[in-house]
Amino acid sequence: MKGLKLLGISLLIIALVSVGCGSGKKRKSHKKQKSKGKKEIVQQPHNDTATHTTSVDKPLKKVTKPNPQIEKVINTAQSYIGVPYRFGGTTRNGLDCSGLVMLSYQAINIKLPRNSKEMSEVGKPVKESELLPGDLVFFSKSYSTVISHTGLIVEASPQSAKFIHSSTSKGVRIDDLNSSYWHPLFKSARRIVY
Protein backbone atom coordinates (compact mmCIF):
# COMPACT_ATOMS: atom_id res chain seq x y z
CA MET A 1 0.00 0.00 0.00
CA LYS A 2 2.83 2.32 0.91
CA GLY A 3 4.37 1.56 -2.48
CA LEU A 4 1.15 2.50 -4.21
CA LYS A 5 0.87 5.66 -2.20
CA LEU A 6 4.45 6.55 -3.05
CA LEU A 7 3.80 5.72 -6.70
CA GLY A 8 0.64 7.85 -6.65
CA ILE A 9 2.45 10.72 -4.98
CA SER A 10 5.33 10.39 -7.44
CA LEU A 11 2.92 10.45 -10.34
CA LEU A 12 1.14 13.40 -8.83
CA ILE A 13 4.44 15.28 -8.43
CA ILE A 14 5.45 14.41 -12.00
CA ALA A 15 2.05 15.54 -13.23
CA LEU A 16 2.29 18.79 -11.29
CA VAL A 17 5.82 19.42 -12.53
CA SER A 18 4.72 18.62 -16.09
CA VAL A 19 1.71 20.87 -15.77
CA GLY A 20 3.88 23.53 -14.18
CA CYS A 21 6.39 23.31 -17.03
CA GLY A 22 3.64 23.12 -19.57
CA SER A 23 1.85 26.05 -18.04
CA GLY A 24 5.22 27.84 -17.91
CA LYS A 25 5.56 27.29 -21.64
CA LYS A 26 1.98 28.27 -22.10
CA ARG A 27 2.56 31.35 -20.02
CA LYS A 28 5.54 32.17 -22.17
CA SER A 29 3.59 31.85 -25.40
CA HIS A 30 0.64 33.49 -23.69
CA LYS A 31 2.96 36.36 -22.79
CA LYS A 32 4.02 36.58 -26.42
CA GLN A 33 0.38 36.74 -27.46
CA LYS A 34 -0.34 39.25 -24.75
CA SER A 35 2.61 41.39 -25.77
CA LYS A 36 1.49 41.17 -29.37
CA GLY A 37 -1.96 42.10 -28.18
CA LYS A 38 -0.51 44.91 -26.12
CA LYS A 39 1.53 46.04 -29.07
CA GLU A 40 -1.59 46.28 -31.19
CA ILE A 41 -3.53 47.93 -28.39
CA VAL A 42 -0.74 50.43 -27.82
CA GLN A 43 -0.35 51.00 -31.55
CA GLN A 44 -4.06 51.56 -32.14
CA PRO A 45 -4.47 54.44 -29.70
CA HIS A 46 -1.21 55.86 -31.01
CA ASN A 47 -2.66 55.90 -34.52
CA ASP A 48 -5.89 57.42 -33.23
CA THR A 49 -3.88 60.01 -31.37
CA ALA A 50 -1.86 60.81 -34.49
CA THR A 51 -5.06 61.32 -36.45
CA HIS A 52 -6.52 63.35 -33.63
CA THR A 53 -3.38 65.45 -33.34
CA THR A 54 -3.34 66.19 -37.05
CA SER A 55 -6.92 67.36 -37.15
CA VAL A 56 -7.19 69.09 -33.78
CA ASP A 57 -3.94 69.89 -32.01
CA LYS A 58 -1.87 71.04 -34.98
CA PRO A 59 -3.19 73.87 -37.12
CA LEU A 60 -4.59 72.58 -40.37
CA LYS A 61 -2.50 73.27 -43.42
CA LYS A 62 -3.94 76.18 -45.35
CA VAL A 63 -5.39 75.32 -48.71
CA THR A 64 -3.09 77.74 -50.43
CA LYS A 65 -0.07 79.75 -49.40
CA PRO A 66 -0.45 83.48 -49.79
CA ASN A 67 0.34 84.22 -53.40
CA PRO A 68 2.74 87.21 -53.60
CA GLN A 69 0.97 88.43 -56.74
CA ILE A 70 -2.43 88.37 -55.03
CA GLU A 71 -0.96 90.10 -51.97
CA LYS A 72 0.25 92.87 -54.28
CA VAL A 73 -3.21 93.15 -55.88
CA ILE A 74 -4.89 93.37 -52.45
CA ASN A 75 -2.33 95.85 -51.09
CA THR A 76 -2.85 98.02 -54.15
CA ALA A 77 -6.63 97.92 -53.70
CA GLN A 78 -6.34 98.72 -49.99
CA SER A 79 -4.12 101.71 -50.74
CA TYR A 80 -7.24 103.31 -52.25
CA ILE A 81 -9.40 102.98 -49.10
CA GLY A 82 -11.17 106.28 -48.52
CA VAL A 83 -10.94 107.47 -52.14
CA PRO A 84 -14.39 108.80 -53.13
CA TYR A 85 -16.60 107.17 -55.73
CA ARG A 86 -16.56 108.72 -59.17
CA PHE A 87 -18.33 107.16 -62.15
CA GLY A 88 -15.66 106.27 -64.72
CA GLY A 89 -12.92 107.26 -62.26
CA THR A 90 -9.50 105.62 -62.37
CA THR A 91 -7.41 107.90 -60.15
CA ARG A 92 -6.96 108.73 -56.47
CA ASN A 93 -9.31 111.65 -57.05
CA GLY A 94 -12.16 109.18 -57.60
CA LEU A 95 -12.80 105.56 -58.57
CA ASP A 96 -15.72 103.46 -59.64
CA CYS A 97 -15.93 99.77 -58.75
CA SER A 98 -14.45 98.35 -61.95
CA GLY A 99 -11.79 101.10 -62.00
CA LEU A 100 -10.60 99.95 -58.56
CA VAL A 101 -10.42 96.29 -59.59
CA MET A 102 -8.79 97.13 -62.92
CA LEU A 103 -6.06 99.27 -61.27
CA SER A 104 -5.46 96.63 -58.59
CA TYR A 105 -4.76 93.93 -61.18
CA GLN A 106 -2.67 96.30 -63.30
CA ALA A 107 -0.20 96.22 -60.38
CA ILE A 108 0.72 92.69 -61.51
CA ASN A 109 0.44 93.48 -65.22
CA ILE A 110 -2.96 91.86 -65.76
CA LYS A 111 -5.26 93.88 -67.97
CA LEU A 112 -8.94 93.47 -67.16
CA PRO A 113 -11.93 94.83 -69.07
CA ARG A 114 -13.09 98.28 -67.99
CA ASN A 115 -16.62 97.42 -66.85
CA SER A 116 -17.92 94.92 -64.30
CA LYS A 117 -20.18 93.03 -66.73
CA GLU A 118 -17.24 92.22 -69.02
CA MET A 119 -15.04 91.40 -66.00
CA SER A 120 -17.63 88.82 -64.94
CA GLU A 121 -16.74 86.79 -68.05
CA VAL A 122 -12.95 86.70 -67.48
CA GLY A 123 -11.04 84.01 -65.56
CA LYS A 124 -12.67 80.90 -64.18
CA PRO A 125 -15.92 80.65 -62.21
CA VAL A 126 -15.64 80.06 -58.45
CA LYS A 127 -18.29 78.84 -56.02
CA GLU A 128 -19.09 81.15 -53.13
CA SER A 129 -17.92 78.49 -50.65
CA GLU A 130 -14.50 78.32 -52.39
CA LEU A 131 -13.65 82.02 -52.50
CA LEU A 132 -10.01 83.02 -52.00
CA PRO A 133 -8.32 86.40 -51.64
CA GLY A 134 -7.96 87.97 -55.06
CA ASP A 135 -11.20 86.54 -56.48
CA LEU A 136 -13.61 88.97 -58.06
CA VAL A 137 -17.21 89.08 -56.83
CA PHE A 138 -20.11 90.42 -58.88
CA PHE A 139 -23.46 91.86 -57.91
CA SER A 140 -26.63 93.03 -59.57
CA LYS A 141 -29.45 95.21 -58.38
CA SER A 142 -32.22 93.33 -56.61
CA TYR A 143 -34.64 93.70 -59.52
CA SER A 144 -32.11 92.68 -62.21
CA THR A 145 -29.78 89.89 -63.28
CA VAL A 146 -27.43 92.23 -65.13
CA ILE A 147 -24.03 92.58 -63.40
CA SER A 148 -23.72 96.17 -62.20
CA HIS A 149 -21.08 96.09 -59.43
CA THR A 150 -17.81 94.32 -58.65
CA GLY A 151 -15.41 93.92 -55.77
CA LEU A 152 -12.24 92.07 -54.83
CA ILE A 153 -12.05 89.47 -52.04
CA VAL A 154 -9.46 90.47 -49.42
CA GLU A 155 -10.21 87.82 -46.76
CA ALA A 156 -11.96 84.49 -47.11
CA SER A 157 -12.85 81.42 -45.07
CA PRO A 158 -15.55 78.82 -45.63
CA GLN A 159 -17.81 80.81 -43.28
CA SER A 160 -17.22 84.39 -44.40
CA ALA A 161 -15.63 86.68 -46.95
CA LYS A 162 -14.71 90.34 -47.00
CA PHE A 163 -14.35 92.33 -50.19
CA ILE A 164 -13.04 95.73 -51.15
CA HIS A 165 -15.02 97.85 -53.59
CA SER A 166 -15.92 101.40 -54.47
CA SER A 167 -19.33 102.13 -53.00
CA THR A 168 -21.35 104.91 -54.66
CA SER A 169 -22.19 106.40 -51.26
CA LYS A 170 -19.00 105.80 -49.23
CA GLY A 171 -16.16 105.37 -51.72
CA VAL A 172 -13.52 102.65 -51.47
CA ARG A 173 -14.17 100.46 -48.46
CA ILE A 174 -14.25 96.86 -47.22
CA ASP A 175 -17.58 95.12 -46.63
CA ASP A 176 -18.76 91.68 -45.57
CA LEU A 177 -20.10 89.55 -48.43
CA ASN A 178 -22.50 87.84 -46.00
CA SER A 179 -24.08 91.09 -44.84
CA SER A 180 -27.84 91.44 -45.15
CA TYR A 181 -27.31 94.09 -47.83
CA TRP A 182 -24.66 92.49 -50.07
CA HIS A 183 -25.41 88.77 -49.91
CA PRO A 184 -28.85 88.97 -51.59
CA LEU A 185 -27.26 90.99 -54.44
CA PHE A 186 -24.32 88.57 -54.95
CA LYS A 187 -24.47 86.82 -58.34
CA SER A 188 -21.12 85.20 -59.15
CA ALA A 189 -17.37 85.09 -58.60
CA ARG A 190 -14.36 84.63 -60.86
CA ARG A 191 -10.71 83.75 -60.24
CA ILE A 192 -8.20 85.65 -62.34
CA VAL A 193 -4.94 84.21 -60.98
CA TYR A 194 -4.95 80.42 -60.43
C-alpha atoms as a PDB file:
ATOM      1  CA  MET A   1       0.000   0.000   0.000  1.00  0.00           C
ATOM      2  CA  LYS A   2       2.831   2.315   0.905  1.00  0.00           C
ATOM      3  CA  GLY A   3       4.368   1.562  -2.484  1.00  0.00           C
ATOM      4  CA  LEU A   4       1.145   2.495  -4.212  1.00  0.00           C
ATOM      5  CA  LYS A   5       0.871   5.664  -2.204  1.00  0.00           C
ATOM      6  CA  LEU A   6       4.447   6.547  -3.051  1.00  0.00           C
ATOM      7  CA  LEU A   7       3.803   5.723  -6.696  1.00  0.00           C
ATOM      8  CA  GLY A   8       0.637   7.851  -6.648  1.00  0.00           C
ATOM      9  CA  ILE A   9       2.447  10.718  -4.975  1.00  0.00           C
ATOM     10  CA  SER A  10       5.331  10.394  -7.437  1.00  0.00           C
ATOM     11  CA  LEU A  11       2.924  10.447 -10.344  1.00  0.00           C
ATOM     12  CA  LEU A  12       1.144  13.403  -8.832  1.00  0.00           C
ATOM     13  CA  ILE A  13       4.440  15.276  -8.428  1.00  0.00           C
ATOM     14  CA  ILE A  14       5.453  14.414 -11.999  1.00  0.00           C
ATOM     15  CA  ALA A  15       2.051  15.537 -13.227  1.00  0.00           C
ATOM     16  CA  LEU A  16       2.295  18.791 -11.289  1.00  0.00           C
ATOM     17  CA  VAL A  17       5.818  19.423 -12.529  1.00  0.00           C
ATOM     18  CA  SER A  18       4.717  18.625 -16.092  1.00  0.00           C
ATOM     19  CA  VAL A  19       1.707  20.868 -15.769  1.00  0.00           C
ATOM     20  CA  GLY A  20       3.880  23.532 -14.180  1.00  0.00           C
ATOM     21  CA  CYS A  21       6.390  23.314 -17.033  1.00  0.00           C
ATOM     22  CA  GLY A  22       3.644  23.115 -19.572  1.00  0.00           C
ATOM     23  CA  SER A  23       1.855  26.050 -18.043  1.00  0.00           C
ATOM     24  CA  GLY A  24       5.215  27.839 -17.905  1.00  0.00           C
ATOM     25  CA  LYS A  25       5.557  27.289 -21.636  1.00  0.00           C
ATOM     26  CA  LYS A  26       1.980  28.273 -22.105  1.00  0.00           C
ATOM     27  CA  ARG A  27       2.558  31.347 -20.024  1.00  0.00           C
ATOM     28  CA  LYS A  28       5.543  32.170 -22.172  1.00  0.00           C
ATOM     29  CA  SER A  29       3.592  31.854 -25.401  1.00  0.00           C
ATOM     30  CA  HIS A  30       0.642  33.487 -23.693  1.00  0.00           C
ATOM     31  CA  LYS A  31       2.956  36.364 -22.794  1.00  0.00           C
ATOM     32  CA  LYS A  32       4.016  36.585 -26.423  1.00  0.00           C
ATOM     33  CA  GLN A  33       0.380  36.736 -27.465  1.00  0.00           C
ATOM     34  CA  LYS A  34      -0.340  39.251 -24.746  1.00  0.00           C
ATOM     35  CA  SER A  35       2.609  41.394 -25.766  1.00  0.00           C
ATOM     36  CA  LYS A  36       1.489  41.171 -29.366  1.00  0.00           C
ATOM     37  CA  GLY A  37      -1.963  42.103 -28.185  1.00  0.00           C
ATOM     38  CA  LYS A  38      -0.515  44.909 -26.116  1.00  0.00           C
ATOM     39  CA  LYS A  39       1.534  46.045 -29.070  1.00  0.00           C
ATOM     40  CA  GLU A  40      -1.594  46.276 -31.188  1.00  0.00           C
ATOM     41  CA  ILE A  41      -3.525  47.926 -28.394  1.00  0.00           C
ATOM     42  CA  VAL A  42      -0.737  50.426 -27.821  1.00  0.00           C
ATOM     43  CA  GLN A  43      -0.353  50.998 -31.549  1.00  0.00           C
ATOM     44  CA  GLN A  44      -4.061  51.561 -32.145  1.00  0.00           C
ATOM     45  CA  PRO A  45      -4.468  54.436 -29.701  1.00  0.00           C
ATOM     46  CA  HIS A  46      -1.206  55.859 -31.011  1.00  0.00           C
ATOM     47  CA  ASN A  47      -2.658  55.900 -34.517  1.00  0.00           C
ATOM     48  CA  ASP A  48      -5.886  57.415 -33.233  1.00  0.00           C
ATOM     49  CA  THR A  49      -3.878  60.009 -31.366  1.00  0.00           C
ATOM     50  CA  ALA A  50      -1.857  60.811 -34.487  1.00  0.00           C
ATOM     51  CA  THR A  51      -5.061  61.317 -36.453  1.00  0.00           C
ATOM     52  CA  HIS A  52      -6.520  63.353 -33.626  1.00  0.00           C
ATOM     53  CA  THR A  53      -3.383  65.447 -33.339  1.00  0.00           C
ATOM     54  CA  THR A  54      -3.337  66.185 -37.053  1.00  0.00           C
ATOM     55  CA  SER A  55      -6.917  67.360 -37.149  1.00  0.00           C
ATOM     56  CA  VAL A  56      -7.194  69.091 -33.777  1.00  0.00           C
ATOM     57  CA  ASP A  57      -3.945  69.895 -32.006  1.00  0.00           C
ATOM     58  CA  LYS A  58      -1.869  71.040 -34.975  1.00  0.00           C
ATOM     59  CA  PRO A  59      -3.193  73.873 -37.120  1.00  0.00           C
ATOM     60  CA  LEU A  60      -4.587  72.579 -40.375  1.00  0.00           C
ATOM     61  CA  LYS A  61      -2.502  73.272 -43.417  1.00  0.00           C
ATOM     62  CA  LYS A  62      -3.937  76.184 -45.349  1.00  0.00           C
ATOM     63  CA  VAL A  63      -5.392  75.323 -48.712  1.00  0.00           C
ATOM     64  CA  THR A  64      -3.086  77.740 -50.432  1.00  0.00           C
ATOM     65  CA  LYS A  65      -0.066  79.745 -49.399  1.00  0.00           C
ATOM     66  CA  PRO A  66      -0.450  83.475 -49.791  1.00  0.00           C
ATOM     67  CA  ASN A  67       0.344  84.224 -53.403  1.00  0.00           C
ATOM     68  CA  PRO A  68       2.739  87.211 -53.595  1.00  0.00           C
ATOM     69  CA  GLN A  69       0.968  88.430 -56.739  1.00  0.00           C
ATOM     70  CA  ILE A  70      -2.427  88.365 -55.028  1.00  0.00           C
ATOM     71  CA  GLU A  71      -0.958  90.097 -51.969  1.00  0.00           C
ATOM     72  CA  LYS A  72       0.252  92.871 -54.281  1.00  0.00           C
ATOM     73  CA  VAL A  73      -3.213  93.150 -55.876  1.00  0.00           C
ATOM     74  CA  ILE A  74      -4.887  93.368 -52.451  1.00  0.00           C
ATOM     75  CA  ASN A  75      -2.331  95.847 -51.092  1.00  0.00           C
ATOM     76  CA  THR A  76      -2.853  98.022 -54.147  1.00  0.00           C
ATOM     77  CA  ALA A  77      -6.633  97.919 -53.697  1.00  0.00           C
ATOM     78  CA  GLN A  78      -6.335  98.724 -49.989  1.00  0.00           C
ATOM     79  CA  SER A  79      -4.119 101.708 -50.744  1.00  0.00           C
ATOM     80  CA  TYR A  80      -7.239 103.311 -52.249  1.00  0.00           C
ATOM     81  CA  ILE A  81      -9.404 102.981 -49.098  1.00  0.00           C
ATOM     82  CA  GLY A  82     -11.166 106.282 -48.522  1.00  0.00           C
ATOM     83  CA  VAL A  83     -10.940 107.467 -52.141  1.00  0.00           C
ATOM     84  CA  PRO A  84     -14.389 108.796 -53.135  1.00  0.00           C
ATOM     85  CA  TYR A  85     -16.596 107.165 -55.733  1.00  0.00           C
ATOM     86  CA  ARG A  86     -16.561 108.718 -59.168  1.00  0.00           C
ATOM     87  CA  PHE A  87     -18.331 107.157 -62.147  1.00  0.00           C
ATOM     88  CA  GLY A  88     -15.659 106.271 -64.721  1.00  0.00           C
ATOM     89  CA  GLY A  89     -12.919 107.263 -62.264  1.00  0.00           C
ATOM     90  CA  THR A  90      -9.503 105.620 -62.374  1.00  0.00           C
ATOM     91  CA  THR A  91      -7.405 107.902 -60.155  1.00  0.00           C
ATOM     92  CA  ARG A  92      -6.961 108.730 -56.473  1.00  0.00           C
ATOM     93  CA  ASN A  93      -9.313 111.651 -57.047  1.00  0.00           C
ATOM     94  CA  GLY A  94     -12.161 109.178 -57.602  1.00  0.00           C
ATOM     95  CA  LEU A  95     -12.800 105.556 -58.573  1.00  0.00           C
ATOM     96  CA  ASP A  96     -15.720 103.465 -59.637  1.00  0.00           C
ATOM     97  CA  CYS A  97     -15.933  99.766 -58.747  1.00  0.00           C
ATOM     98  CA  SER A  98     -14.449  98.352 -61.953  1.00  0.00           C
ATOM     99  CA  GLY A  99     -11.791 101.096 -61.998  1.00  0.00           C
ATOM    100  CA  LEU A 100     -10.597  99.952 -58.557  1.00  0.00           C
ATOM    101  CA  VAL A 101     -10.424  96.286 -59.594  1.00  0.00           C
ATOM    102  CA  MET A 102      -8.788  97.133 -62.922  1.00  0.00           C
ATOM    103  CA  LEU A 103      -6.059  99.270 -61.274  1.00  0.00           C
ATOM    104  CA  SER A 104      -5.460  96.628 -58.592  1.00  0.00           C
ATOM    105  CA  TYR A 105      -4.756  93.928 -61.184  1.00  0.00           C
ATOM    106  CA  GLN A 106      -2.667  96.302 -63.300  1.00  0.00           C
ATOM    107  CA  ALA A 107      -0.201  96.224 -60.375  1.00  0.00           C
ATOM    108  CA  ILE A 108       0.724  92.690 -61.509  1.00  0.00           C
ATOM    109  CA  ASN A 109       0.439  93.478 -65.225  1.00  0.00           C
ATOM    110  CA  ILE A 110      -2.956  91.857 -65.760  1.00  0.00           C
ATOM    111  CA  LYS A 111      -5.256  93.885 -67.970  1.00  0.00           C
ATOM    112  CA  LEU A 112      -8.938  93.466 -67.161  1.00  0.00           C
ATOM    113  CA  PRO A 113     -11.934  94.832 -69.066  1.00  0.00           C
ATOM    114  CA  ARG A 114     -13.086  98.285 -67.986  1.00  0.00           C
ATOM    115  CA  ASN A 115     -16.621  97.420 -66.847  1.00  0.00           C
ATOM    116  CA  SER A 116     -17.924  94.923 -64.297  1.00  0.00           C
ATOM    117  CA  LYS A 117     -20.180  93.032 -66.729  1.00  0.00           C
ATOM    118  CA  GLU A 118     -17.238  92.216 -69.017  1.00  0.00           C
ATOM    119  CA  MET A 119     -15.043  91.404 -65.998  1.00  0.00           C
ATOM    120  CA  SER A 120     -17.626  88.820 -64.941  1.00  0.00           C
ATOM    121  CA  GLU A 121     -16.737  86.791 -68.049  1.00  0.00           C
ATOM    122  CA  VAL A 122     -12.947  86.700 -67.480  1.00  0.00           C
ATOM    123  CA  GLY A 123     -11.044  84.015 -65.560  1.00  0.00           C
ATOM    124  CA  LYS A 124     -12.666  80.896 -64.182  1.00  0.00           C
ATOM    125  CA  PRO A 125     -15.922  80.649 -62.207  1.00  0.00           C
ATOM    126  CA  VAL A 126     -15.644  80.065 -58.455  1.00  0.00           C
ATOM    127  CA  LYS A 127     -18.292  78.845 -56.021  1.00  0.00           C
ATOM    128  CA  GLU A 128     -19.086  81.151 -53.131  1.00  0.00           C
ATOM    129  CA  SER A 129     -17.916  78.488 -50.650  1.00  0.00           C
ATOM    130  CA  GLU A 130     -14.498  78.318 -52.386  1.00  0.00           C
ATOM    131  CA  LEU A 131     -13.649  82.024 -52.505  1.00  0.00           C
ATOM    132  CA  LEU A 132     -10.012  83.017 -51.998  1.00  0.00           C
ATOM    133  CA  PRO A 133      -8.324  86.398 -51.635  1.00  0.00           C
ATOM    134  CA  GLY A 134      -7.963  87.975 -55.062  1.00  0.00           C
ATOM    135  CA  ASP A 135     -11.197  86.535 -56.476  1.00  0.00           C
ATOM    136  CA  LEU A 136     -13.613  88.973 -58.055  1.00  0.00           C
ATOM    137  CA  VAL A 137     -17.214  89.082 -56.834  1.00  0.00           C
ATOM    138  CA  PHE A 138     -20.113  90.415 -58.881  1.00  0.00           C
ATOM    139  CA  PHE A 139     -23.460  91.863 -57.913  1.00  0.00           C
ATOM    140  CA  SER A 140     -26.629  93.032 -59.573  1.00  0.00           C
ATOM    141  CA  LYS A 141     -29.448  95.211 -58.377  1.00  0.00           C
ATOM    142  CA  SER A 142     -32.221  93.326 -56.606  1.00  0.00           C
ATOM    143  CA  TYR A 143     -34.635  93.698 -59.518  1.00  0.00           C
ATOM    144  CA  SER A 144     -32.111  92.683 -62.215  1.00  0.00           C
ATOM    145  CA  THR A 145     -29.783  89.891 -63.281  1.00  0.00           C
ATOM    146  CA  VAL A 146     -27.427  92.231 -65.130  1.00  0.00           C
ATOM    147  CA  ILE A 147     -24.033  92.581 -63.400  1.00  0.00           C
ATOM    148  CA  SER A 148     -23.717  96.169 -62.201  1.00  0.00           C
ATOM    149  CA  HIS A 149     -21.085  96.089 -59.429  1.00  0.00           C
ATOM    150  CA  THR A 150     -17.806  94.316 -58.653  1.00  0.00           C
ATOM    151  CA  GLY A 151     -15.409  93.921 -55.771  1.00  0.00           C
ATOM    152  CA  LEU A 152     -12.243  92.074 -54.829  1.00  0.00           C
ATOM    153  CA  ILE A 153     -12.046  89.468 -52.044  1.00  0.00           C
ATOM    154  CA  VAL A 154      -9.460  90.467 -49.418  1.00  0.00           C
ATOM    155  CA  GLU A 155     -10.211  87.821 -46.756  1.00  0.00           C
ATOM    156  CA  ALA A 156     -11.958  84.486 -47.107  1.00  0.00           C
ATOM    157  CA  SER A 157     -12.850  81.423 -45.074  1.00  0.00           C
ATOM    158  CA  PRO A 158     -15.553  78.817 -45.630  1.00  0.00           C
ATOM    159  CA  GLN A 159     -17.812  80.814 -43.279  1.00  0.00           C
ATOM    160  CA  SER A 160     -17.216  84.385 -44.401  1.00  0.00           C
ATOM    161  CA  ALA A 161     -15.631  86.679 -46.950  1.00  0.00           C
ATOM    162  CA  LYS A 162     -14.713  90.343 -47.003  1.00  0.00           C
ATOM    163  CA  PHE A 163     -14.354  92.326 -50.194  1.00  0.00           C
ATOM    164  CA  ILE A 164     -13.042  95.734 -51.151  1.00  0.00           C
ATOM    165  CA  HIS A 165     -15.024  97.854 -53.591  1.00  0.00           C
ATOM    166  CA  SER A 166     -15.918 101.402 -54.469  1.00  0.00           C
ATOM    167  CA  SER A 167     -19.330 102.131 -52.997  1.00  0.00           C
ATOM    168  CA  THR A 168     -21.345 104.912 -54.658  1.00  0.00           C
ATOM    169  CA  SER A 169     -22.194 106.399 -51.257  1.00  0.00           C
ATOM    170  CA  LYS A 170     -19.001 105.804 -49.227  1.00  0.00           C
ATOM    171  CA  GLY A 171     -16.163 105.374 -51.717  1.00  0.00           C
ATOM    172  CA  VAL A 172     -13.523 102.646 -51.473  1.00  0.00           C
ATOM    173  CA  ARG A 173     -14.166 100.458 -48.458  1.00  0.00           C
ATOM    174  CA  ILE A 174     -14.250  96.864 -47.222  1.00  0.00           C
ATOM    175  CA  ASP A 175     -17.578  95.122 -46.627  1.00  0.00           C
ATOM    176  CA  ASP A 176     -18.759  91.676 -45.571  1.00  0.00           C
ATOM    177  CA  LEU A 177     -20.103  89.554 -48.429  1.00  0.00           C
ATOM    178  CA  ASN A 178     -22.500  87.845 -46.001  1.00  0.00           C
ATOM    179  CA  SER A 179     -24.085  91.094 -44.837  1.00  0.00           C
ATOM    180  CA  SER A 180     -27.835  91.436 -45.153  1.00  0.00           C
ATOM    181  CA  TYR A 181     -27.315  94.091 -47.830  1.00  0.00           C
ATOM    182  CA  TRP A 182     -24.662  92.487 -50.067  1.00  0.00           C
ATOM    183  CA  HIS A 183     -25.408  88.771 -49.910  1.00  0.00           C
ATOM    184  CA  PRO A 184     -28.848  88.970 -51.591  1.00  0.00           C
ATOM    185  CA  LEU A 185     -27.258  90.987 -54.440  1.00  0.00           C
ATOM    186  CA  PHE A 186     -24.317  88.571 -54.949  1.00  0.00           C
ATOM    187  CA  LYS A 187     -24.467  86.822 -58.345  1.00  0.00           C
ATOM    188  CA  SER A 188     -21.121  85.205 -59.154  1.00  0.00           C
ATOM    189  CA  ALA A 189     -17.367  85.091 -58.601  1.00  0.00           C
ATOM    190  CA  ARG A 190     -14.355  84.633 -60.860  1.00  0.00           C
ATOM    191  CA  ARG A 191     -10.706  83.753 -60.238  1.00  0.00           C
ATOM    192  CA  ILE A 192      -8.197  85.651 -62.339  1.00  0.00           C
ATOM    193  CA  VAL A 193      -4.938  84.205 -60.984  1.00  0.00           C
ATOM    194  CA  TYR A 194      -4.953  80.416 -60.428  1.00  0.00           C
END
